[in-house]
Amino acid sequence: MAENSVKSEAWGWVKAIAIALIIAFVVRTFIVTSFEVRGESMVPTAEDGERFIVNRLAYQFGEPDRFDLIVFHATEEDSYIKRVIGLPGDTVRFEEDQLFINDEQVDEPFLDDIQASYSGQQYTNDFEYDEVVPEDHVFVVGDNRPNSHDSRVFGAVHEDEIIGRVGLRFWPLSEFGFME
């Protein structure tokens, strides 16, 4: 009888571990994933080495909003984190450190501190996107404007390339919290 009890308990553990692995696979593949920042393109919002939880479902039931932080496939090997600036149908330009969407000035409060530290120097080079942001695309820019490879270089990002919206910073622990 004791042998059956051991087999039964072992089988219970095998089932529990298998179910846990299946749940982890489903969650990681379809619901959330982690992302590690590589580089300085999003300073001061996201620093090199910081880690985030990315919500894969965020855009299955809705569209990106202006200023969302997203992760997307930039190349077959690399994924980037950037901020959504332009939405489908928008015109985008930067002039004298000001963002203009459809010829209307738009404030970027998340850049206030870093722009102030540039005292007298231009933080975002003047730029005008030569076309309207196409349907099913977004225009993305890094917060570290002088050091960001973004839509100003490679153009608008197709929604099929978007992995998800950045939701939670979990590393370093001292910076733990939800992203806005």
Protein backbone atom coordinates (compact mmCIF):
# COMPACT_ATOMS: atom_id res chain seq x y z
CA MET A 1 0.00 0.00 0.00
CA ALA A 2 2.87 2.39 0.76
CA GLU A 3 4.27 1.89 -2.74
CA ASN A 4 0.94 2.99 -4.28
CA SER A 5 0.92 6.04 -2.03
CA VAL A 6 4.41 7.05 -3.20
CA LYS A 7 3.44 6.54 -6.85
CA SER A 8 0.25 8.51 -6.33
CA GLU A 9 2.10 11.37 -4.69
CA ALA A 10 4.78 11.38 -7.41
CA TRP A 11 2.09 11.41 -10.11
CA GLY A 12 0.42 14.32 -8.29
CA TRP A 13 3.68 16.28 -8.37
CA VAL A 14 4.24 15.51 -12.07
CA LYS A 15 0.72 16.76 -12.90
CA ALA A 16 1.16 19.92 -10.79
CA ILE A 17 4.51 20.74 -12.40
CA ALA A 18 3.14 20.08 -15.90
CA ILE A 19 0.14 22.35 -15.27
CA ALA A 20 2.41 25.07 -13.87
CA LEU A 21 4.67 24.87 -16.94
CA ILE A 22 1.68 25.06 -19.31
CA ILE A 23 0.28 28.07 -17.46
CA ALA A 24 3.69 29.79 -17.50
CA PHE A 25 4.03 29.13 -21.24
CA VAL A 26 0.55 30.53 -21.99
CA VAL A 27 1.09 33.62 -19.81
CA ARG A 28 4.55 34.35 -21.26
CA THR A 29 3.47 33.76 -24.87
CA PHE A 30 0.09 35.47 -24.93
CA ILE A 31 -0.37 37.75 -21.92
CA VAL A 32 2.86 39.30 -20.59
CA THR A 33 6.58 39.12 -21.24
CA SER A 34 9.65 40.71 -19.74
CA PHE A 35 11.93 43.16 -21.50
CA GLU A 36 15.41 44.40 -20.61
CA VAL A 37 16.44 47.85 -21.78
CA ARG A 38 19.70 47.88 -23.74
CA GLY A 39 21.15 51.30 -24.41
CA GLU A 40 20.46 54.88 -23.46
CA SER A 41 17.71 55.86 -25.92
CA MET A 42 14.99 56.17 -23.26
CA VAL A 43 16.93 57.99 -20.52
CA PRO A 44 15.65 59.35 -18.14
CA THR A 45 12.47 57.24 -18.34
CA ALA A 46 14.23 53.88 -18.74
CA GLU A 47 17.90 53.21 -18.07
CA ASP A 48 20.21 50.58 -19.54
CA GLY A 49 19.71 47.27 -17.70
CA GLU A 50 16.29 48.07 -16.26
CA ARG A 51 13.64 45.39 -16.71
CA PHE A 52 9.96 45.74 -17.43
CA ILE A 53 6.82 43.64 -17.71
CA VAL A 54 5.19 44.19 -21.11
CA ASN A 55 1.43 43.69 -21.51
CA ARG A 56 0.96 41.70 -24.73
CA LEU A 57 -2.84 42.03 -24.59
CA ALA A 58 -2.90 45.83 -24.36
CA TYR A 59 -3.51 46.38 -28.05
CA GLN A 60 -5.57 43.28 -28.79
CA PHE A 61 -8.64 45.17 -27.59
CA GLY A 62 -7.57 48.77 -28.17
CA GLU A 63 -5.19 51.06 -29.99
CA PRO A 64 -1.98 52.69 -28.77
CA ASP A 65 -2.41 56.11 -27.20
CA ARG A 66 -0.08 59.04 -27.66
CA PHE A 67 2.85 58.83 -25.21
CA ASP A 68 2.37 55.11 -24.43
CA LEU A 69 5.65 53.30 -23.82
CA ILE A 70 5.77 50.31 -26.16
CA VAL A 71 8.12 47.49 -27.04
CA PHE A 72 8.28 46.45 -30.68
CA HIS A 73 10.31 44.32 -33.08
CA ALA A 74 12.76 46.75 -34.66
CA THR A 75 14.63 44.02 -36.54
CA GLU A 76 14.45 40.24 -36.56
CA GLU A 77 17.03 40.18 -33.74
CA ASP A 78 16.23 43.33 -31.75
CA SER A 79 13.27 44.78 -29.94
CA TYR A 80 13.17 48.42 -28.85
CA ILE A 81 11.35 50.39 -26.19
CA LYS A 82 10.12 53.80 -27.38
CA ARG A 83 7.35 56.32 -26.76
CA VAL A 84 4.40 56.63 -29.16
CA ILE A 85 4.34 60.19 -30.49
CA GLY A 86 2.30 60.01 -33.69
CA LEU A 87 -0.88 58.04 -34.37
CA PRO A 88 -2.40 57.06 -37.72
CA GLY A 89 -3.34 60.17 -39.70
CA ASP A 90 -1.00 62.49 -37.75
CA THR A 91 1.67 64.77 -39.11
CA VAL A 92 4.72 65.03 -36.83
CA ARG A 93 7.40 67.65 -36.56
CA PHE A 94 9.85 68.98 -33.99
CA GLU A 95 10.80 72.63 -34.14
CA GLU A 96 13.00 74.42 -31.57
CA ASP A 97 12.47 71.65 -28.98
CA GLN A 98 8.70 71.69 -29.42
CA LEU A 99 6.57 68.80 -30.66
CA PHE A 100 3.88 69.64 -33.18
CA ILE A 101 1.17 67.13 -34.04
CA ASN A 102 -1.03 68.19 -36.95
CA ASP A 103 0.53 71.68 -36.63
CA GLU A 104 -0.60 72.03 -33.00
CA GLN A 105 2.00 72.31 -30.24
CA VAL A 106 1.88 69.36 -27.82
CA ASP A 107 3.55 69.42 -24.40
CA GLU A 108 5.86 66.58 -23.39
CA PRO A 109 6.01 66.89 -19.57
CA PHE A 110 8.11 63.72 -19.25
CA LEU A 111 10.99 65.67 -20.85
CA ASP A 112 10.81 68.80 -18.65
CA ASP A 113 13.73 67.90 -16.36
CA ILE A 114 16.09 66.72 -19.08
CA GLN A 115 15.33 69.64 -21.40
CA ALA A 116 16.03 72.05 -18.54
CA SER A 117 19.44 70.44 -18.05
CA TYR A 118 20.32 71.32 -21.66
CA SER A 119 20.06 75.05 -20.77
CA GLY A 120 20.40 76.96 -23.98
CA GLN A 121 21.12 73.98 -26.19
CA GLN A 122 18.57 72.30 -28.40
CA TYR A 123 17.53 68.87 -27.05
CA THR A 124 15.47 67.60 -29.99
CA ASN A 125 16.81 68.43 -33.43
CA ASP A 126 14.33 70.00 -35.80
CA PHE A 127 12.61 67.28 -37.79
CA GLU A 128 9.56 66.92 -39.99
CA TYR A 129 8.12 63.55 -40.97
CA ASP A 130 7.61 63.80 -44.73
CA GLU A 131 4.32 61.94 -44.74
CA VAL A 132 1.20 61.36 -42.67
CA VAL A 133 1.55 58.47 -40.22
CA PRO A 134 -0.05 55.61 -42.19
CA GLU A 135 -3.05 53.60 -41.06
CA ASP A 136 -2.01 50.70 -38.77
CA HIS A 137 1.28 52.47 -37.87
CA VAL A 138 2.65 54.61 -35.03
CA PHE A 139 5.51 57.11 -34.97
CA VAL A 140 7.85 56.38 -32.04
CA VAL A 141 10.67 58.39 -30.49
CA GLY A 142 13.07 57.73 -27.62
CA ASP A 143 13.04 60.13 -24.68
CA ASN A 144 16.81 60.60 -25.03
CA ARG A 145 16.31 62.51 -28.27
CA PRO A 146 19.96 63.20 -29.10
CA ASN A 147 20.82 59.48 -28.74
CA SER A 148 17.83 57.56 -30.06
CA HIS A 149 17.47 55.44 -33.19
CA ASP A 150 13.72 55.79 -33.78
CA SER A 151 11.02 56.70 -36.31
CA ARG A 152 12.98 59.79 -37.26
CA VAL A 153 15.45 57.31 -38.80
CA PHE A 154 13.47 54.19 -39.75
CA GLY A 155 9.95 55.59 -40.21
CA ALA A 156 6.65 54.61 -38.67
CA VAL A 157 6.23 51.22 -36.98
CA HIS A 158 3.51 48.85 -38.19
CA GLU A 159 1.13 47.68 -35.46
CA ASP A 160 2.00 44.04 -36.26
CA GLU A 161 5.52 44.74 -34.96
CA ILE A 162 4.27 45.95 -31.55
CA ILE A 163 4.85 43.39 -28.80
CA GLY A 164 2.92 45.33 -26.17
CA ARG A 165 2.67 48.26 -23.77
CA VAL A 166 5.20 48.66 -20.97
CA GLY A 167 3.35 48.21 -17.70
CA LEU A 168 5.65 47.60 -14.74
CA ARG A 169 9.31 48.21 -13.95
CA PHE A 170 10.50 45.32 -11.78
CA TRP A 171 14.28 45.87 -11.86
CA PRO A 172 16.05 47.47 -10.14
CA LEU A 173 13.85 46.93 -7.09
CA SER A 174 14.52 50.51 -5.95
CA GLU A 175 12.61 51.70 -9.07
CA PHE A 176 9.81 49.13 -8.84
CA GLY A 177 6.46 50.48 -9.98
CA PHE A 178 3.91 50.99 -12.74
CA MET A 179 4.87 53.09 -15.75
CA GLU A 180 2.76 55.99 -16.99
